[in-house]
Amino acid sequence: MGITIRHRDLSNGKQKIYLDIVQDKKRKTETTKWWRYKKPKTQEERDHNKKADQLASMLKAEKDKELVFGEYDFLKVKNTRTDFIELFREEADARFRTRGAKSNTYCSFKHFCNFTNNRCSIKDINKAFVESFRDYLLSVVSQNCSAIYFKRFKRQLERAVDKGMLTYNPAKEVKNIQIIQPHREMLTIEEVKILVEHPCGNELIKRMFLFSCFTGLRIGDLKAIKWKHVHGDMLVFHPQKTKYKQHSLYLIENAKRWMGVAGKPEEHIFPWPYQSNLYDTLREWVYSAGITRRITWHAARHTLASMLLNTDGNIVAVQKILCHSRIDTTMIYAKIYEKNVISAMKGLDTVIK
């Protein structure tokens, strides 16, 4: 058992100082931040070496004490400032290649880099550090985004433990950020029926919105799908949000009626000539039908989920139809459905007294 100060020659005539540590037949090296001149020529260089050697000796004495009292941790195999950054970057880059800049892991990594100024030593990661990053996220993004990004960060700490970079995950002592369930505006079946019959100044908007009510497609996918994606009763395409994943969707008759006359394979089902999403035009049409709530394109997607749960109640089927990667996302609709059920049951109190 012991620690030896060693020098590693560099190409510029200098030497990097490191510690060679041995205990119970285990051996590892720890690189220090100090260097020395291999062959000092001036008094200034000799003085530099003397100071560097003194600092290295002080560090050796500190590590010797840790070894004697059993405080030295061999599992902390690295202490360079980029170790954790590189670990995080590895998974962030992988997610970016499949999900793009919208990847939650990638977004979490970018915020972490901003928080640490691209410098993070493993030895600095403790409960206080984790709490500080948690507070930082809450100060720069919404609470729900913070909750998601913080979970992705905690996942990287688990990876650090798995790789032996940390002996324990300090994030386990820090509570997750609570997600606030947002209000999801949607239409009732009766309101959908009203819109089916109500004229719209822009027929393309009406066709796209009602098609989405019966398929759950996002506005980006409505613009992207082509006739080549239609195979009989199936729509097979790669969603814009998750382009790595192929999605197959059964087209019911209520969806087909809004597709129009079939065109050439490379032609878009809904040719979109506009630069914006024309939210104002959509809302004017809905408002003119007597629906005064704030309805967006995405409300059609929520509407499909609501109609499915109210008619069938199969949450797994809804997850597949909406192409949700996680059942947790779909469960938000289930909670809305449960509230509707409770409200309906309470309504009986007003009928029979």
Protein backbone atom coordinates (compact mmCIF):
# COMPACT_ATOMS: atom_id res chain seq x y z
CA MET A 1 0.00 0.00 0.00
CA GLY A 2 1.38 3.39 -0.88
CA ILE A 3 1.46 6.44 -3.09
CA THR A 4 4.30 7.49 -5.36
CA ILE A 5 4.69 10.81 -7.11
CA ARG A 6 5.59 10.22 -10.73
CA HIS A 7 6.26 12.36 -13.80
CA ARG A 8 5.05 11.80 -17.34
CA ASP A 9 7.18 13.38 -20.07
CA LEU A 10 5.42 15.72 -22.45
CA SER A 11 6.49 16.68 -25.96
CA ASN A 12 7.22 20.30 -25.03
CA GLY A 13 10.04 19.51 -22.59
CA LYS A 14 7.74 19.56 -19.57
CA GLN A 15 6.46 16.81 -17.28
CA LYS A 16 2.96 16.15 -16.00
CA ILE A 17 2.80 15.23 -12.32
CA TYR A 18 0.62 12.29 -11.32
CA LEU A 19 0.11 9.99 -8.35
CA ASP A 20 0.62 6.23 -8.59
CA ILE A 21 -1.66 4.71 -5.94
CA VAL A 22 -1.59 1.07 -4.79
CA GLN A 23 -3.78 -0.57 -2.15
CA ASP A 24 -4.80 -4.21 -1.62
CA LYS A 25 -3.40 -5.22 -5.01
CA LYS A 26 -5.43 -2.47 -6.65
CA ARG A 27 -3.62 0.17 -8.63
CA LYS A 28 -4.69 3.42 -10.26
CA THR A 29 -3.24 6.75 -11.25
CA GLU A 30 -4.53 10.23 -10.58
CA THR A 31 -3.36 13.03 -12.81
CA THR A 32 -2.82 16.35 -11.04
CA LYS A 33 -3.20 19.80 -12.53
CA TRP A 34 0.48 20.59 -11.98
CA TRP A 35 3.45 20.26 -14.31
CA ARG A 36 7.21 20.81 -14.05
CA TYR A 37 10.20 21.42 -16.32
CA LYS A 38 12.05 18.22 -17.21
CA LYS A 39 15.40 20.03 -17.40
CA PRO A 40 15.13 23.45 -15.74
CA LYS A 41 17.64 25.96 -17.13
CA THR A 42 16.87 29.13 -15.23
CA GLN A 43 16.31 29.99 -11.60
CA GLU A 44 12.69 30.84 -12.44
CA GLU A 45 12.15 27.34 -13.86
CA ARG A 46 13.82 25.74 -10.83
CA ASP A 47 11.60 27.76 -8.52
CA HIS A 48 8.57 26.64 -10.52
CA ASN A 49 9.59 22.99 -10.12
CA LYS A 50 10.12 23.45 -6.38
CA LYS A 51 6.63 24.88 -5.95
CA ALA A 52 5.03 22.17 -8.12
CA ASP A 53 6.84 19.44 -6.17
CA GLN A 54 5.69 20.94 -2.86
CA LEU A 55 2.06 21.00 -4.02
CA ALA A 56 2.32 17.41 -5.24
CA SER A 57 3.79 16.36 -1.88
CA MET A 58 0.91 18.05 -0.04
CA LEU A 59 -1.61 16.21 -2.22
CA LYS A 60 0.26 12.93 -1.63
CA ALA A 61 0.11 13.48 2.13
CA GLU A 62 -3.64 14.08 1.91
CA LYS A 63 -4.17 10.89 -0.12
CA ASP A 64 -1.89 8.94 2.27
CA LYS A 65 -4.16 9.98 5.12
CA GLU A 66 -7.23 8.81 3.20
CA LEU A 67 -5.61 5.42 2.57
CA VAL A 68 -4.66 4.94 6.20
CA PHE A 69 -8.15 5.77 7.50
CA GLY A 70 -9.92 3.87 4.72
CA GLU A 71 -11.43 7.01 3.22
CA TYR A 72 -9.89 6.71 -0.22
CA ASP A 73 -12.40 5.58 -2.85
CA PHE A 74 -10.97 3.47 -5.66
CA LEU A 75 -14.31 3.53 -7.48
CA LYS A 76 -13.86 7.18 -8.33
CA VAL A 77 -11.68 6.27 -11.25
CA LYS A 78 -11.59 9.68 -12.90
CA ASN A 79 -11.52 13.24 -11.71
CA THR A 80 -10.88 15.27 -14.82
CA ARG A 81 -13.18 18.19 -15.38
CA THR A 82 -14.62 16.74 -18.55
CA ASP A 83 -15.46 13.22 -17.33
CA PHE A 84 -19.13 13.82 -16.54
CA ILE A 85 -19.59 16.27 -19.40
CA GLU A 86 -18.33 13.64 -21.82
CA LEU A 87 -20.53 10.95 -20.29
CA PHE A 88 -23.58 13.19 -20.64
CA ARG A 89 -22.54 14.26 -24.16
CA GLU A 90 -22.29 10.63 -25.27
CA GLU A 91 -25.99 9.95 -24.66
CA ALA A 92 -27.09 13.45 -25.70
CA ASP A 93 -25.42 13.04 -29.09
CA ALA A 94 -27.01 9.62 -29.56
CA ARG A 95 -30.45 11.06 -28.80
CA PHE A 96 -29.81 14.02 -31.07
CA ARG A 97 -29.09 11.69 -33.99
CA THR A 98 -32.50 10.03 -33.61
CA ARG A 99 -34.71 12.77 -32.14
CA GLY A 100 -32.97 15.96 -33.22
CA ALA A 101 -32.74 19.16 -31.17
CA LYS A 102 -36.12 18.41 -29.58
CA SER A 103 -34.66 15.44 -27.67
CA ASN A 104 -35.21 15.95 -23.95
CA THR A 105 -31.83 14.40 -23.14
CA TYR A 106 -30.11 16.73 -25.61
CA CYS A 107 -31.95 19.77 -24.19
CA SER A 108 -31.05 18.74 -20.65
CA PHE A 109 -27.39 18.42 -21.70
CA LYS A 110 -27.33 21.88 -23.30
CA HIS A 111 -28.75 23.44 -20.14
CA PHE A 112 -26.25 21.51 -18.03
CA CYS A 113 -23.39 22.84 -20.17
CA ASN A 114 -24.69 26.39 -19.69
CA PHE A 115 -25.04 25.81 -15.94
CA THR A 116 -21.49 24.47 -15.56
CA ASN A 117 -19.86 26.58 -18.28
CA ASN A 118 -18.78 23.26 -19.86
CA ARG A 119 -16.74 22.36 -16.80
CA CYS A 120 -17.81 19.69 -14.36
CA SER A 121 -15.57 17.59 -12.16
CA ILE A 122 -17.00 14.36 -10.79
CA LYS A 123 -15.78 15.28 -7.32
CA ASP A 124 -17.95 18.40 -7.41
CA ILE A 125 -21.18 16.46 -7.87
CA ASN A 126 -22.98 16.15 -4.55
CA LYS A 127 -26.45 16.81 -3.19
CA ALA A 128 -25.94 20.58 -3.13
CA PHE A 129 -24.74 20.57 -6.74
CA VAL A 130 -27.77 18.56 -7.86
CA GLU A 131 -30.11 20.92 -6.01
CA SER A 132 -28.41 23.91 -7.62
CA PHE A 133 -28.93 22.49 -11.11
CA ARG A 134 -32.54 21.74 -10.21
CA ASP A 135 -33.08 25.37 -9.17
CA TYR A 136 -31.28 26.59 -12.29
CA LEU A 137 -33.62 24.65 -14.57
CA LEU A 138 -36.65 26.10 -12.81
CA SER A 139 -35.26 29.58 -13.41
CA VAL A 140 -34.74 29.21 -17.18
CA VAL A 141 -37.51 26.93 -18.45
CA SER A 142 -41.07 26.04 -17.48
CA GLN A 143 -41.76 23.74 -14.55
CA ASN A 144 -42.83 20.86 -16.77
CA CYS A 145 -39.75 21.15 -18.98
CA SER A 146 -37.60 21.42 -15.85
CA ALA A 147 -39.14 18.20 -14.51
CA ILE A 148 -38.32 16.30 -17.70
CA TYR A 149 -34.80 17.70 -18.10
CA PHE A 150 -34.00 17.04 -14.44
CA LYS A 151 -34.99 13.38 -14.81
CA ARG A 152 -32.71 13.06 -17.83
CA PHE A 153 -29.87 14.56 -15.80
CA LYS A 154 -30.48 12.12 -12.95
CA ARG A 155 -30.31 9.29 -15.46
CA GLN A 156 -26.76 10.37 -16.33
CA LEU A 157 -25.80 10.23 -12.66
CA GLU A 158 -27.09 6.65 -12.59
CA ARG A 159 -24.87 5.89 -15.58
CA ALA A 160 -21.93 7.46 -13.75
CA VAL A 161 -22.55 5.09 -10.84
CA ASP A 162 -22.81 2.11 -13.22
CA LYS A 163 -19.47 3.08 -14.78
CA GLY A 164 -17.77 3.47 -11.40
CA MET A 165 -17.35 7.23 -11.69
CA LEU A 166 -19.51 7.73 -8.58
CA THR A 167 -20.04 5.40 -5.65
CA TYR A 168 -23.60 6.58 -5.13
CA ASN A 169 -26.14 8.80 -6.83
CA PRO A 170 -26.52 12.04 -4.84
CA ALA A 171 -29.67 12.83 -6.83
CA LYS A 172 -31.52 10.12 -4.91
CA GLU A 173 -31.65 12.54 -1.99
CA VAL A 174 -33.19 15.28 -4.14
CA LYS A 175 -36.91 15.30 -4.92
CA ASN A 176 -38.05 15.36 -8.52
CA ILE A 177 -39.76 18.43 -9.88
CA GLN A 178 -43.51 17.98 -9.90
CA ILE A 179 -45.21 18.12 -13.28
CA ILE A 180 -48.20 20.42 -13.51
CA GLN A 181 -50.92 18.84 -15.60
CA PRO A 182 -51.76 21.43 -18.28
CA HIS A 183 -55.29 22.15 -19.37
CA ARG A 184 -55.89 20.39 -22.68
CA GLU A 185 -58.57 21.98 -24.77
CA MET A 186 -60.63 19.55 -26.80
CA LEU A 187 -63.96 19.25 -28.56
CA THR A 188 -66.91 17.11 -27.59
CA ILE A 189 -68.40 14.67 -30.07
CA GLU A 190 -71.37 17.03 -30.49
CA GLU A 191 -69.02 19.91 -31.30
CA VAL A 192 -67.21 17.81 -33.89
CA LYS A 193 -70.58 17.10 -35.50
CA ILE A 194 -71.28 20.83 -35.59
CA LEU A 195 -67.97 21.53 -37.35
CA VAL A 196 -68.63 18.78 -39.89
CA GLU A 197 -71.77 20.64 -40.97
CA HIS A 198 -70.48 24.19 -40.53
CA PRO A 199 -68.98 25.86 -43.64
CA CYS A 200 -65.43 27.22 -43.59
CA GLY A 201 -63.98 29.95 -45.77
CA ASN A 202 -60.87 27.82 -46.28
CA GLU A 203 -61.91 24.26 -47.20
CA LEU A 204 -58.33 22.95 -46.80
CA ILE A 205 -58.29 23.98 -43.13
CA LYS A 206 -61.61 22.29 -42.49
CA ARG A 207 -60.50 19.06 -44.18
CA MET A 208 -57.19 18.96 -42.31
CA PHE A 209 -58.65 19.74 -38.91
CA LEU A 210 -61.45 17.17 -39.15
CA PHE A 211 -59.05 14.57 -40.57
CA SER A 212 -56.90 15.18 -37.46
CA CYS A 213 -59.95 14.73 -35.23
CA PHE A 214 -60.25 11.18 -36.56
CA THR A 215 -56.54 10.32 -36.85
CA GLY A 216 -54.76 12.37 -34.18
CA LEU A 217 -52.11 13.65 -36.60
CA ARG A 218 -50.11 16.72 -35.62
CA ILE A 219 -50.09 19.76 -37.92
CA GLY A 220 -46.55 18.91 -39.06
CA ASP A 221 -47.62 15.43 -40.11
CA LEU A 222 -50.76 16.72 -41.83
CA LYS A 223 -48.52 18.87 -44.02
CA ALA A 224 -46.04 16.08 -44.68
CA ILE A 225 -48.13 13.01 -45.54
CA LYS A 226 -48.35 12.06 -49.22
CA TRP A 227 -50.51 9.68 -51.19
CA LYS A 228 -47.66 7.18 -51.29
CA HIS A 229 -48.14 6.75 -47.54
CA VAL A 230 -51.67 5.40 -48.08
CA HIS A 231 -51.85 1.61 -48.40
CA GLY A 232 -55.48 0.59 -48.63
CA ASP A 233 -57.02 1.35 -45.25
CA MET A 234 -53.65 2.08 -43.65
CA LEU A 235 -51.61 5.26 -43.43
CA VAL A 236 -47.94 4.33 -43.00
CA PHE A 237 -45.46 7.17 -42.41
CA HIS A 238 -42.70 8.50 -40.19
CA PRO A 239 -43.98 11.23 -37.84
CA GLN A 240 -42.11 14.53 -38.00
CA LYS A 241 -41.51 14.47 -34.24
CA THR A 242 -40.08 10.93 -34.21
CA LYS A 243 -38.73 10.37 -37.71
CA TYR A 244 -36.87 7.23 -36.64
CA LYS A 245 -40.17 5.51 -35.85
CA GLN A 246 -42.61 4.22 -38.46
CA HIS A 247 -46.25 4.73 -37.59
CA SER A 248 -49.12 2.70 -39.03
CA LEU A 249 -52.62 4.09 -38.63
CA TYR A 250 -55.93 2.55 -39.62
CA LEU A 251 -58.06 5.02 -41.59
CA ILE A 252 -61.71 4.91 -40.62
CA GLU A 253 -64.35 6.17 -43.04
CA ASN A 254 -64.78 9.42 -41.09
CA ALA A 255 -61.10 10.12 -41.77
CA LYS A 256 -61.12 9.09 -45.43
CA ARG A 257 -63.99 11.44 -46.30
CA TRP A 258 -61.74 14.45 -45.65
CA MET A 259 -58.77 13.26 -47.72
CA GLY A 260 -60.18 14.25 -51.08
CA VAL A 261 -59.46 12.64 -54.45
CA ALA A 262 -56.33 10.50 -54.52
CA GLY A 263 -53.40 12.04 -56.36
CA LYS A 264 -49.96 10.89 -57.52
CA PRO A 265 -47.71 9.08 -54.99
CA GLU A 266 -45.44 12.09 -54.43
CA GLU A 267 -48.28 14.56 -54.10
CA HIS A 268 -49.29 15.77 -50.63
CA ILE A 269 -52.69 14.73 -49.36
CA PHE A 270 -53.15 18.22 -47.98
CA PRO A 271 -51.09 20.65 -50.12
CA TRP A 272 -50.18 23.50 -47.75
CA PRO A 273 -49.20 26.68 -49.64
CA TYR A 274 -48.96 28.96 -46.59
CA GLN A 275 -45.96 30.09 -44.53
CA SER A 276 -47.81 30.06 -41.18
CA ASN A 277 -50.21 27.58 -39.58
CA LEU A 278 -53.14 30.01 -40.00
CA TYR A 279 -54.29 29.71 -36.40
CA ASP A 280 -56.45 32.80 -36.76
CA THR A 281 -58.34 31.33 -39.73
CA LEU A 282 -58.90 28.09 -37.81
CA ARG A 283 -60.20 29.93 -34.75
CA GLU A 284 -62.48 32.18 -36.80
CA TRP A 285 -64.12 29.12 -38.34
CA VAL A 286 -64.54 27.38 -34.98
CA TYR A 287 -65.81 30.57 -33.32
CA SER A 288 -68.33 31.16 -36.11
CA ALA A 289 -69.72 27.68 -35.34
CA GLY A 290 -70.53 28.82 -31.81
CA ILE A 291 -67.50 27.25 -30.10
CA THR A 292 -65.88 30.10 -28.17
CA ARG A 293 -63.03 28.22 -26.47
CA ARG A 294 -59.43 28.63 -27.70
CA ILE A 295 -59.10 25.78 -30.21
CA THR A 296 -55.77 25.03 -31.90
CA TRP A 297 -54.61 22.41 -34.38
CA HIS A 298 -53.40 20.25 -31.50
CA ALA A 299 -56.87 20.35 -29.96
CA ALA A 300 -57.94 17.95 -32.74
CA ARG A 301 -55.40 15.44 -31.41
CA HIS A 302 -56.74 15.84 -27.89
CA THR A 303 -60.25 15.45 -29.26
CA LEU A 304 -59.46 12.06 -30.78
CA ALA A 305 -57.98 10.82 -27.49
CA SER A 306 -61.05 11.99 -25.61
CA MET A 307 -63.48 10.39 -28.07
CA LEU A 308 -61.59 7.09 -27.98
CA LEU A 309 -61.55 6.95 -24.19
CA ASN A 310 -65.22 7.88 -23.96
CA THR A 311 -66.24 5.18 -26.46
CA ASP A 312 -63.74 2.39 -25.76
CA GLY A 313 -61.57 3.28 -22.75
CA ASN A 314 -58.55 1.29 -24.01
CA ILE A 315 -55.59 3.39 -22.92
CA VAL A 316 -53.03 1.15 -24.66
CA ALA A 317 -54.88 1.50 -27.96
CA VAL A 318 -54.90 5.29 -27.54
CA GLN A 319 -51.15 5.24 -26.90
CA LYS A 320 -50.52 3.36 -30.16
CA ILE A 321 -52.89 5.50 -32.20
CA LEU A 322 -51.29 8.73 -30.97
CA CYS A 323 -47.82 7.22 -31.36
CA HIS A 324 -46.79 8.04 -27.81
CA SER A 325 -43.41 6.59 -26.81
CA ARG A 326 -44.40 6.55 -23.14
CA ILE A 327 -47.68 5.41 -21.63
CA ASP A 328 -47.26 8.21 -19.05
CA THR A 329 -48.02 10.76 -21.76
CA THR A 330 -51.23 8.96 -22.70
CA MET A 331 -52.28 8.62 -19.07
CA ILE A 332 -52.83 12.40 -18.98
CA TYR A 333 -55.91 11.83 -21.14
CA ALA A 334 -57.02 9.03 -18.85
CA LYS A 335 -57.01 11.45 -15.91
CA ILE A 336 -59.16 13.88 -17.89
CA TYR A 337 -61.52 10.99 -18.70
CA GLU A 338 -61.72 10.03 -15.01
CA LYS A 339 -62.73 13.62 -14.15
CA ASN A 340 -65.49 13.45 -16.76
CA VAL A 341 -66.73 10.16 -15.29
CA ILE A 342 -66.78 11.61 -11.76
CA SER A 343 -68.58 14.72 -13.03
CA ALA A 344 -71.17 12.55 -14.76
CA MET A 345 -71.73 10.49 -11.62
CA LYS A 346 -72.14 13.61 -9.50
CA GLY A 347 -74.73 14.78 -12.01
CA LEU A 348 -77.03 12.03 -10.73
CA ASP A 349 -77.29 13.91 -7.45
CA THR A 350 -79.07 16.71 -9.23
CA VAL A 351 -81.45 14.35 -11.02
CA ILE A 352 -82.63 12.37 -8.01
CA LYS A 353 -82.84 14.02 -4.60
